[in-house]
Full PDB file with SEQRES, HELIX, SHEET, SSBOND, CRYST1, ORIGX, SCALE, CONECT and MASTER records, all heavy atoms in Angstrom:
SEQRES   1 A   39  LEU PHE THR SER GLY TYR VAL SER ASN TRP ALA ALA LEU          
SEQRES   2 A   39  GLY THR LEU ALA ALA ARG ILE PRO ASP CYS LEU VAL LEU          
SEQRES   3 A   39  SER ASP ALA LEU ASN HIS ALA SER MET ILE GLU GLY ILE          
HELIX    1 AA1 GLY A    5  ARG A   19  1                                  15    
HELIX    2 AA2 ALA A   33  GLY A   38  1                                   6    
CRYST1    1.000    1.000    1.000  90.00  90.00  90.00 P 1           1          
ORIGX1      1.000000  0.000000  0.000000        0.00000                         
ORIGX2      0.000000  1.000000  0.000000        0.00000                         
ORIGX3      0.000000  0.000000  1.000000        0.00000                         
SCALE1      1.000000  0.000000  0.000000        0.00000                         
SCALE2      0.000000  1.000000  0.000000        0.00000                         
SCALE3      0.000000  0.000000  1.000000        0.00000                         
ATOM      1  N   LEU A   1     104.498  68.858 130.847  1.00  0.00           N  
ATOM      2  CA  LEU A   1     105.486  68.633 129.870  1.00  0.00           C  
ATOM      3  C   LEU A   1     105.290  69.466 128.603  1.00  0.00           C  
ATOM      4  O   LEU A   1     104.181  69.710 128.205  1.00  0.00           O  
ATOM      5  CB  LEU A   1     105.436  67.205 129.361  1.00  0.00           C  
ATOM      6  CG  LEU A   1     106.098  66.222 130.374  1.00  0.00           C  
ATOM      7  CD1 LEU A   1     105.850  64.706 129.783  1.00  0.00           C  
ATOM      8  CD2 LEU A   1     107.642  66.373 130.488  1.00  0.00           C  
ATOM      9  N   PHE A   2     106.429  69.866 127.964  1.00  0.00           N  
ATOM     10  CA  PHE A   2     106.388  70.606 126.757  1.00  0.00           C  
ATOM     11  C   PHE A   2     107.468  69.900 125.821  1.00  0.00           C  
ATOM     12  O   PHE A   2     108.275  69.087 126.203  1.00  0.00           O  
ATOM     13  CB  PHE A   2     106.752  72.047 126.805  1.00  0.00           C  
ATOM     14  CG  PHE A   2     105.691  72.838 127.558  1.00  0.00           C  
ATOM     15  CD1 PHE A   2     105.653  72.892 128.974  1.00  0.00           C  
ATOM     16  CD2 PHE A   2     104.773  73.546 126.909  1.00  0.00           C  
ATOM     17  CE1 PHE A   2     104.676  73.595 129.622  1.00  0.00           C  
ATOM     18  CE2 PHE A   2     103.773  74.226 127.582  1.00  0.00           C  
ATOM     19  CZ  PHE A   2     103.710  74.224 128.942  1.00  0.00           C  
ATOM     20  N   THR A   3     107.450  70.322 124.523  1.00  0.00           N  
ATOM     21  CA  THR A   3     108.369  69.739 123.606  1.00  0.00           C  
ATOM     22  C   THR A   3     109.823  70.163 123.722  1.00  0.00           C  
ATOM     23  O   THR A   3     110.752  69.497 123.205  1.00  0.00           O  
ATOM     24  CB  THR A   3     107.792  69.869 122.204  1.00  0.00           C  
ATOM     25  OG1 THR A   3     107.584  71.363 121.936  1.00  0.00           O  
ATOM     26  CG2 THR A   3     106.614  69.086 121.966  1.00  0.00           C  
ATOM     27  N   SER A   4     109.963  71.237 124.359  1.00  0.00           N  
ATOM     28  CA  SER A   4     111.310  71.710 124.551  1.00  0.00           C  
ATOM     29  C   SER A   4     111.374  72.803 125.699  1.00  0.00           C  
ATOM     30  O   SER A   4     110.293  73.295 126.009  1.00  0.00           O  
ATOM     31  CB  SER A   4     111.940  72.403 123.300  1.00  0.00           C  
ATOM     32  OG  SER A   4     111.383  73.665 123.027  1.00  0.00           O  
ATOM     33  N   GLY A   5     112.467  73.139 126.233  1.00  0.00           N  
ATOM     34  CA  GLY A   5     112.603  74.185 127.232  1.00  0.00           C  
ATOM     35  C   GLY A   5     112.264  75.551 126.633  1.00  0.00           C  
ATOM     36  O   GLY A   5     111.687  76.294 127.278  1.00  0.00           O  
ATOM     37  N   TYR A   6     112.569  75.784 125.409  1.00  0.00           N  
ATOM     38  CA  TYR A   6     112.161  77.138 124.706  1.00  0.00           C  
ATOM     39  C   TYR A   6     110.646  77.198 124.746  1.00  0.00           C  
ATOM     40  O   TYR A   6     110.161  78.286 125.041  1.00  0.00           O  
ATOM     41  CB  TYR A   6     112.780  77.032 123.316  1.00  0.00           C  
ATOM     42  CG  TYR A   6     112.615  78.422 122.626  1.00  0.00           C  
ATOM     43  CD1 TYR A   6     113.758  79.195 122.421  1.00  0.00           C  
ATOM     44  CD2 TYR A   6     111.371  78.868 122.110  1.00  0.00           C  
ATOM     45  CE1 TYR A   6     113.604  80.403 121.805  1.00  0.00           C  
ATOM     46  CE2 TYR A   6     111.280  80.113 121.474  1.00  0.00           C  
ATOM     47  CZ  TYR A   6     112.356  80.949 121.444  1.00  0.00           C  
ATOM     48  OH  TYR A   6     112.252  82.094 120.715  1.00  0.00           O  
ATOM     49  N   VAL A   7     109.994  76.156 124.286  1.00  0.00           N  
ATOM     50  CA  VAL A   7     108.602  76.129 124.245  1.00  0.00           C  
ATOM     51  C   VAL A   7     107.902  76.266 125.591  1.00  0.00           C  
ATOM     52  O   VAL A   7     106.927  77.009 125.744  1.00  0.00           O  
ATOM     53  CB  VAL A   7     108.008  74.943 123.514  1.00  0.00           C  
ATOM     54  CG1 VAL A   7     106.456  74.921 123.498  1.00  0.00           C  
ATOM     55  CG2 VAL A   7     108.467  74.875 121.999  1.00  0.00           C  
ATOM     56  N   SER A   8     108.468  75.655 126.546  1.00  0.00           N  
ATOM     57  CA  SER A   8     107.855  75.762 127.953  1.00  0.00           C  
ATOM     58  C   SER A   8     107.977  77.186 128.449  1.00  0.00           C  
ATOM     59  O   SER A   8     107.017  77.733 129.021  1.00  0.00           O  
ATOM     60  CB  SER A   8     108.457  74.754 128.916  1.00  0.00           C  
ATOM     61  OG  SER A   8     109.921  74.883 128.903  1.00  0.00           O  
ATOM     62  N   ASN A   9     109.050  77.905 128.191  1.00  0.00           N  
ATOM     63  CA  ASN A   9     109.184  79.213 128.709  1.00  0.00           C  
ATOM     64  C   ASN A   9     108.255  80.140 127.873  1.00  0.00           C  
ATOM     65  O   ASN A   9     107.551  80.922 128.369  1.00  0.00           O  
ATOM     66  CB  ASN A   9     110.691  79.740 128.459  1.00  0.00           C  
ATOM     67  CG  ASN A   9     111.480  79.551 129.790  1.00  0.00           C  
ATOM     68  OD1 ASN A   9     110.984  79.481 130.880  1.00  0.00           O  
ATOM     69  ND2 ASN A   9     112.792  79.405 129.511  1.00  0.00           N  
ATOM     70  N   TRP A  10     108.370  79.914 126.526  1.00  0.00           N  
ATOM     71  CA  TRP A  10     107.492  80.831 125.628  1.00  0.00           C  
ATOM     72  C   TRP A  10     105.992  80.726 125.950  1.00  0.00           C  
ATOM     73  O   TRP A  10     105.264  81.670 126.049  1.00  0.00           O  
ATOM     74  CB  TRP A  10     107.728  80.403 124.147  1.00  0.00           C  
ATOM     75  CG  TRP A  10     106.917  81.183 123.160  1.00  0.00           C  
ATOM     76  CD1 TRP A  10     107.248  82.484 122.658  1.00  0.00           C  
ATOM     77  CD2 TRP A  10     105.697  80.727 122.586  1.00  0.00           C  
ATOM     78  NE1 TRP A  10     106.226  82.786 121.729  1.00  0.00           N  
ATOM     79  CE2 TRP A  10     105.284  81.775 121.756  1.00  0.00           C  
ATOM     80  CE3 TRP A  10     104.921  79.597 122.811  1.00  0.00           C  
ATOM     81  CZ2 TRP A  10     104.078  81.703 120.976  1.00  0.00           C  
ATOM     82  CZ3 TRP A  10     103.764  79.591 121.976  1.00  0.00           C  
ATOM     83  CH2 TRP A  10     103.337  80.525 121.113  1.00  0.00           C  
ATOM     84  N   ALA A  11     105.578  79.344 126.181  1.00  0.00           N  
ATOM     85  CA  ALA A  11     104.163  79.188 126.338  1.00  0.00           C  
ATOM     86  C   ALA A  11     103.726  79.586 127.739  1.00  0.00           C  
ATOM     87  O   ALA A  11     102.677  80.287 127.886  1.00  0.00           O  
ATOM     88  CB  ALA A  11     103.845  77.711 126.155  1.00  0.00           C  
ATOM     89  N   ALA A  12     104.518  79.210 128.782  1.00  0.00           N  
ATOM     90  CA  ALA A  12     104.099  79.534 130.093  1.00  0.00           C  
ATOM     91  C   ALA A  12     104.122  81.033 130.484  1.00  0.00           C  
ATOM     92  O   ALA A  12     103.149  81.645 130.971  1.00  0.00           O  
ATOM     93  CB  ALA A  12     104.960  78.836 131.057  1.00  0.00           C  
ATOM     94  N   LEU A  13     105.272  81.719 130.073  1.00  0.00           N  
ATOM     95  CA  LEU A  13     105.249  83.174 130.272  1.00  0.00           C  
ATOM     96  C   LEU A  13     104.300  83.881 129.578  1.00  0.00           C  
ATOM     97  O   LEU A  13     103.679  84.924 129.996  1.00  0.00           O  
ATOM     98  CB  LEU A  13     106.658  83.640 130.000  1.00  0.00           C  
ATOM     99  CG  LEU A  13     107.751  83.434 131.259  1.00  0.00           C  
ATOM    100  CD1 LEU A  13     109.168  83.653 130.659  1.00  0.00           C  
ATOM    101  CD2 LEU A  13     107.477  84.300 132.384  1.00  0.00           C  
ATOM    102  N   GLY A  14     104.150  83.482 128.175  1.00  0.00           N  
ATOM    103  CA  GLY A  14     103.186  84.155 127.378  1.00  0.00           C  
ATOM    104  C   GLY A  14     101.813  84.063 127.868  1.00  0.00           C  
ATOM    105  O   GLY A  14     101.071  84.947 127.737  1.00  0.00           O  
ATOM    106  N   THR A  15     101.466  82.857 128.315  1.00  0.00           N  
ATOM    107  CA  THR A  15     100.042  82.660 128.861  1.00  0.00           C  
ATOM    108  C   THR A  15      99.797  83.401 130.145  1.00  0.00           C  
ATOM    109  O   THR A  15      98.779  84.052 130.205  1.00  0.00           O  
ATOM    110  CB  THR A  15      99.880  81.162 128.985  1.00  0.00           C  
ATOM    111  OG1 THR A  15     100.096  80.530 127.764  1.00  0.00           O  
ATOM    112  CG2 THR A  15      98.456  80.874 129.478  1.00  0.00           C  
ATOM    113  N   LEU A  16     100.746  83.271 131.166  1.00  0.00           N  
ATOM    114  CA  LEU A  16     100.514  83.892 132.461  1.00  0.00           C  
ATOM    115  C   LEU A  16     100.383  85.487 132.190  1.00  0.00           C  
ATOM    116  O   LEU A  16      99.460  86.085 132.775  1.00  0.00           O  
ATOM    117  CB  LEU A  16     101.620  83.644 133.318  1.00  0.00           C  
ATOM    118  CG  LEU A  16     101.680  82.139 133.828  1.00  0.00           C  
ATOM    119  CD1 LEU A  16     102.937  81.836 134.613  1.00  0.00           C  
ATOM    120  CD2 LEU A  16     100.482  81.834 134.753  1.00  0.00           C  
ATOM    121  N   ALA A  17     101.454  85.978 131.570  1.00  0.00           N  
ATOM    122  CA  ALA A  17     101.305  87.442 131.413  1.00  0.00           C  
ATOM    123  C   ALA A  17     100.252  87.983 130.574  1.00  0.00           C  
ATOM    124  O   ALA A  17      99.815  89.134 130.856  1.00  0.00           O  
ATOM    125  CB  ALA A  17     102.718  87.915 130.769  1.00  0.00           C  
ATOM    126  N   ALA A  18      99.764  87.210 129.640  1.00  0.00           N  
ATOM    127  CA  ALA A  18      98.755  87.731 128.744  1.00  0.00           C  
ATOM    128  C   ALA A  18      97.294  87.550 129.466  1.00  0.00           C  
ATOM    129  O   ALA A  18      96.437  88.530 129.325  1.00  0.00           O  
ATOM    130  CB  ALA A  18      98.626  86.906 127.434  1.00  0.00           C  
ATOM    131  N   ARG A  19      97.179  86.540 130.261  1.00  0.00           N  
ATOM    132  CA  ARG A  19      95.922  86.300 130.807  1.00  0.00           C  
ATOM    133  C   ARG A  19      95.558  86.878 132.201  1.00  0.00           C  
ATOM    134  O   ARG A  19      94.400  87.001 132.688  1.00  0.00           O  
ATOM    135  CB  ARG A  19      95.622  84.861 130.784  1.00  0.00           C  
ATOM    136  CG  ARG A  19      95.415  84.325 129.359  1.00  0.00           C  
ATOM    137  CD  ARG A  19      94.669  82.996 129.350  1.00  0.00           C  
ATOM    138  NE  ARG A  19      94.277  82.640 127.995  1.00  0.00           N  
ATOM    139  CZ  ARG A  19      93.061  82.796 127.557  1.00  0.00           C  
ATOM    140  NH1 ARG A  19      92.167  83.223 128.294  1.00  0.00           N  
ATOM    141  NH2 ARG A  19      92.773  82.440 126.290  1.00  0.00           N  
ATOM    142  N   ILE A  20      96.664  87.078 132.901  1.00  0.00           N  
ATOM    143  CA  ILE A  20      96.514  87.776 134.299  1.00  0.00           C  
ATOM    144  C   ILE A  20      96.212  89.261 134.072  1.00  0.00           C  
ATOM    145  O   ILE A  20      97.065  89.898 133.471  1.00  0.00           O  
ATOM    146  CB  ILE A  20      97.682  87.584 135.169  1.00  0.00           C  
ATOM    147  CG1 ILE A  20      97.955  86.091 135.476  1.00  0.00           C  
ATOM    148  CG2 ILE A  20      97.644  88.384 136.484  1.00  0.00           C  
ATOM    149  CD1 ILE A  20      99.209  85.816 136.273  1.00  0.00           C  
ATOM    150  N   PRO A  21      95.099  89.726 134.430  1.00  0.00           N  
ATOM    151  CA  PRO A  21      94.740  91.116 134.084  1.00  0.00           C  
ATOM    152  C   PRO A  21      95.830  92.184 134.671  1.00  0.00           C  
ATOM    153  O   PRO A  21      96.217  92.113 135.854  1.00  0.00           O  
ATOM    154  CB  PRO A  21      93.413  91.403 134.750  1.00  0.00           C  
ATOM    155  CG  PRO A  21      92.826  89.963 134.963  1.00  0.00           C  
ATOM    156  CD  PRO A  21      93.988  89.086 135.198  1.00  0.00           C  
ATOM    157  N   ASP A  22      96.223  93.027 133.767  1.00  0.00           N  
ATOM    158  CA  ASP A  22      97.091  94.143 134.145  1.00  0.00           C  
ATOM    159  C   ASP A  22      98.452  93.618 134.706  1.00  0.00           C  
ATOM    160  O   ASP A  22      99.081  94.291 135.573  1.00  0.00           O  
ATOM    161  CB  ASP A  22      96.442  95.097 135.141  1.00  0.00           C  
ATOM    162  CG  ASP A  22      97.222  96.481 135.260  1.00  0.00           C  
ATOM    163  OD1 ASP A  22      97.825  96.863 134.316  1.00  0.00           O  
ATOM    164  OD2 ASP A  22      97.189  96.992 136.416  1.00  0.00           O  
ATOM    165  N   CYS A  23      98.909  92.507 134.273  1.00  0.00           N  
ATOM    166  CA  CYS A  23     100.168  91.898 134.853  1.00  0.00           C  
ATOM    167  C   CYS A  23     101.320  92.724 134.330  1.00  0.00           C  
ATOM    168  O   CYS A  23     101.528  93.147 133.100  1.00  0.00           O  
ATOM    169  CB  CYS A  23     100.280  90.412 134.386  1.00  0.00           C  
ATOM    170  SG  CYS A  23     101.698  89.606 135.044  1.00  0.00           S  
ATOM    171  N   LEU A  24     102.261  93.026 135.294  1.00  0.00           N  
ATOM    172  CA  LEU A  24     103.482  93.511 134.976  1.00  0.00           C  
ATOM    173  C   LEU A  24     104.657  92.475 135.096  1.00  0.00           C  
ATOM    174  O   LEU A  24     104.722  91.879 136.093  1.00  0.00           O  
ATOM    175  CB  LEU A  24     103.824  94.696 135.935  1.00  0.00           C  
ATOM    176  CG  LEU A  24     105.318  95.291 135.858  1.00  0.00           C  
ATOM    177  CD1 LEU A  24     105.482  95.981 134.540  1.00  0.00           C  
ATOM    178  CD2 LEU A  24     105.615  96.243 137.039  1.00  0.00           C  
ATOM    179  N   VAL A  25     105.394  92.321 134.113  1.00  0.00           N  
ATOM    180  CA  VAL A  25     106.483  91.294 134.025  1.00  0.00           C  
ATOM    181  C   VAL A  25     107.834  92.023 134.310  1.00  0.00           C  
ATOM    182  O   VAL A  25     108.123  93.037 133.533  1.00  0.00           O  
ATOM    183  CB  VAL A  25     106.599  90.553 132.787  1.00  0.00           C  
ATOM    184  CG1 VAL A  25     107.653  89.465 132.941  1.00  0.00           C  
ATOM    185  CG2 VAL A  25     105.334  89.792 132.515  1.00  0.00           C  
ATOM    186  N   LEU A  26     108.533  91.670 135.393  1.00  0.00           N  
ATOM    187  CA  LEU A  26     109.911  92.228 135.609  1.00  0.00           C  
ATOM    188  C   LEU A  26     110.876  91.148 135.238  1.00  0.00           C  
ATOM    189  O   LEU A  26     110.979  90.133 135.895  1.00  0.00           O  
ATOM    190  CB  LEU A  26     109.989  92.592 137.085  1.00  0.00           C  
ATOM    191  CG  LEU A  26     108.981  93.726 137.485  1.00  0.00           C  
ATOM    192  CD1 LEU A  26     107.907  93.147 138.343  1.00  0.00           C  
ATOM    193  CD2 LEU A  26     109.687  94.856 138.119  1.00  0.00           C  
ATOM    194  N   SER A  27     111.706  91.375 134.209  1.00  0.00           N  
ATOM    195  CA  SER A  27     112.449  90.408 133.586  1.00  0.00           C  
ATOM    196  C   SER A  27     113.961  90.763 133.750  1.00  0.00           C  
ATOM    197  O   SER A  27     114.421  91.895 133.440  1.00  0.00           O  
ATOM    198  CB  SER A  27     112.167  90.279 132.054  1.00  0.00           C  
ATOM    199  OG  SER A  27     113.014  89.413 131.429  1.00  0.00           O  
ATOM    200  N   ASP A  28     114.832  89.826 134.153  1.00  0.00           N  
ATOM    201  CA  ASP A  28     116.206  90.044 134.348  1.00  0.00           C  
ATOM    202  C   ASP A  28     116.818  90.366 132.896  1.00  0.00           C  
ATOM    203  O   ASP A  28     116.363  89.763 132.001  1.00  0.00           O  
ATOM    204  CB  ASP A  28     116.845  88.792 134.900  1.00  0.00           C  
ATOM    205  CG  ASP A  28     118.365  89.045 135.166  1.00  0.00           C  
ATOM    206  OD1 ASP A  28     119.173  88.962 134.193  1.00  0.00           O  
ATOM    207  OD2 ASP A  28     118.765  89.250 136.356  1.00  0.00           O  
ATOM    208  N   ALA A  29     117.804  91.274 132.895  1.00  0.00           N  
ATOM    209  CA  ALA A  29     118.290  91.716 131.624  1.00  0.00           C  
ATOM    210  C   ALA A  29     119.015  90.595 130.813  1.00  0.00           C  
ATOM    211  O   ALA A  29     119.161  90.791 129.640  1.00  0.00           O  
ATOM    212  CB  ALA A  29     119.325  92.897 131.847  1.00  0.00           C  
ATOM    213  N   LEU A  30     119.378  89.637 131.433  1.00  0.00           N  
ATOM    214  CA  LEU A  30     120.217  88.480 130.751  1.00  0.00           C  
ATOM    215  C   LEU A  30     119.284  87.251 130.600  1.00  0.00           C  
ATOM    216  O   LEU A  30     119.822  86.217 130.315  1.00  0.00           O  
ATOM    217  CB  LEU A  30     121.514  88.188 131.454  1.00  0.00           C  
ATOM    218  CG  LEU A  30     122.513  89.274 131.363  1.00  0.00           C  
ATOM    219  CD1 LEU A  30     123.826  88.745 131.976  1.00  0.00           C  
ATOM    220  CD2 LEU A  30     122.587  89.833 129.946  1.00  0.00           C  
ATOM    221  N   ASN A  31     118.054  87.371 130.715  1.00  0.00           N  
ATOM    222  CA  ASN A  31     117.126  86.211 130.586  1.00  0.00           C  
ATOM    223  C   ASN A  31     117.281  85.668 129.111  1.00  0.00           C  
ATOM    224  O   ASN A  31     117.572  86.347 128.156  1.00  0.00           O  
ATOM    225  CB  ASN A  31     115.650  86.550 130.823  1.00  0.00           C  
ATOM    226  CG  ASN A  31     115.280  86.518 132.311  1.00  0.00           C  
ATOM    227  OD1 ASN A  31     116.045  85.935 133.026  1.00  0.00           O  
ATOM    228  ND2 ASN A  31     114.258  87.113 132.649  1.00  0.00           N  
ATOM    229  N   HIS A  32     117.028  84.297 129.101  1.00  0.00           N  
ATOM    230  CA  HIS A  32     117.109  83.579 127.802  1.00  0.00           C  
ATOM    231  C   HIS A  32     116.058  84.085 126.734  1.00  0.00           C  
ATOM    232  O   HIS A  32     114.977  84.533 127.130  1.00  0.00           O  
ATOM    233  CB  HIS A  32     116.825  82.062 127.995  1.00  0.00           C  
ATOM    234  CG  HIS A  32     117.184  81.226 126.832  1.00  0.00           C  
ATOM    235  ND1 HIS A  32     116.259  80.759 126.054  1.00  0.00           N  
ATOM    236  CD2 HIS A  32     118.376  80.677 126.374  1.00  0.00           C  
ATOM    237  CE1 HIS A  32     116.720  80.030 125.058  1.00  0.00           C  
ATOM    238  NE2 HIS A  32     118.087  79.936 125.259  1.00  0.00           N  
ATOM    239  N   ALA A  33     116.398  83.902 125.468  1.00  0.00           N  
ATOM    240  CA  ALA A  33     115.623  84.288 124.402  1.00  0.00           C  
ATOM    241  C   ALA A  33     114.255  83.814 124.511  1.00  0.00           C  
ATOM    242  O   ALA A  33     113.226  84.506 124.155  1.00  0.00           O  
ATOM    243  CB  ALA A  33     116.239  84.011 123.042  1.00  0.00           C  
ATOM    244  N   SER A  34     114.120  82.526 124.919  1.00  0.00           N  
ATOM    245  CA  SER A  34     112.721  81.949 125.057  1.00  0.00           C  
ATOM    246  C   SER A  34     111.851  82.697 126.031  1.00  0.00           C  
ATOM    247  O   SER A  34     110.643  82.817 125.840  1.00  0.00           O  
ATOM    248  CB  SER A  34     112.814  80.483 125.493  1.00  0.00           C  
ATOM    249  OG  SER A  34     113.544  80.404 126.704  1.00  0.00           O  
ATOM    250  N   MET A  35     112.454  83.217 127.116  1.00  0.00           N  
ATOM    251  CA  MET A  35     111.694  83.998 128.145  1.00  0.00           C  
ATOM    252  C   MET A  35     111.298  85.340 127.528  1.00  0.00           C  
ATOM    253  O   MET A  35     110.165  85.811 127.716  1.00  0.00           O  
ATOM    254  CB  MET A  35     112.562  84.150 129.407  1.00  0.00           C  
ATOM    255  CG  MET A  35     113.021  82.837 130.020  1.00  0.00           C  
ATOM    256  SD  MET A  35     114.048  83.026 131.470  1.00  0.00           S  
ATOM    257  CE  MET A  35     112.878  83.569 132.726  1.00  0.00           C  
ATOM    258  N   ILE A  36     112.256  85.952 126.926  1.00  0.00           N  
ATOM    259  CA  ILE A  36     112.058  87.254 126.306  1.00  0.00           C  
ATOM    260  C   ILE A  36     110.869  87.197 125.185  1.00  0.00           C  
ATOM    261  O   ILE A  36     109.948  87.996 125.252  1.00  0.00           O  
ATOM    262  CB  ILE A  36     113.292  87.738 125.645  1.00  0.00           C  
ATOM    263  CG1 ILE A  36     114.418  88.096 126.683  1.00  0.00           C  
ATOM    264  CG2 ILE A  36     113.038  89.064 124.810  1.00  0.00           C  
ATOM    265  CD1 ILE A  36     115.757  88.300 126.105  1.00  0.00           C  
ATOM    266  N   GLU A  37     110.991  86.109 124.418  1.00  0.00           N  
ATOM    267  CA  GLU A  37     109.895  85.944 123.384  1.00  0.00           C  
ATOM    268  C   GLU A  37     108.570  85.665 124.074  1.00  0.00           C  
ATOM    269  O   GLU A  37     107.466  86.173 123.468  1.00  0.00           O  
ATOM    270  CB  GLU A  37     110.263  84.897 122.364  1.00  0.00           C  
ATOM    271  CG  GLU A  37     111.403  85.303 121.447  1.00  0.00           C  
ATOM    272  CD  GLU A  37     111.174  86.495 120.636  1.00  0.00           C  
ATOM    273  OE1 GLU A  37     110.046  86.616 120.176  1.00  0.00           O  
ATOM    274  OE2 GLU A  37     112.037  87.307 120.533  1.00  0.00           O  
ATOM    275  N   GLY A  38     108.501  84.901 125.077  1.00  0.00           N  
ATOM    276  CA  GLY A  38     107.210  84.646 125.666  1.00  0.00           C  
ATOM    277  C   GLY A  38     106.631  85.957 126.279  1.00  0.00           C  
ATOM    278  O   GLY A  38     105.418  86.200 126.180  1.00  0.00           O  
ATOM    279  N   ILE A  39     107.438  86.723 126.889  1.00  0.00           N  
ATOM    280  CA  ILE A  39     107.033  87.922 127.534  1.00  0.00           C  
ATOM    281  C   ILE A  39     106.509  88.930 126.382  1.00  0.00           C  
ATOM    282  O   ILE A  39     105.455  89.500 126.588  1.00  0.00           O  
ATOM    283  CB  ILE A  39     108.103  88.616 128.374  1.00  0.00           C  
ATOM    284  CG1 ILE A  39     108.407  87.680 129.588  1.00  0.00           C  
ATOM    285  CG2 ILE A  39     107.738  89.947 128.817  1.00  0.00           C  
ATOM    286  CD1 ILE A  39     109.623  88.047 130.270  1.00  0.00           C  
TER     287      ILE A  39                                                      
MASTER        0    0    0    2    0    0    0    6  286    1    0    3          
END                                                                             
């Protein structure tokens, strides 16, 4: 659980992409701002 959908995207994407070594994120062009900010 997270406090909002924005936070869950920001925290989960930010953590996965930062901590997986040499991770490449492929993001759809119309993804929500929370996903973009997390990435």
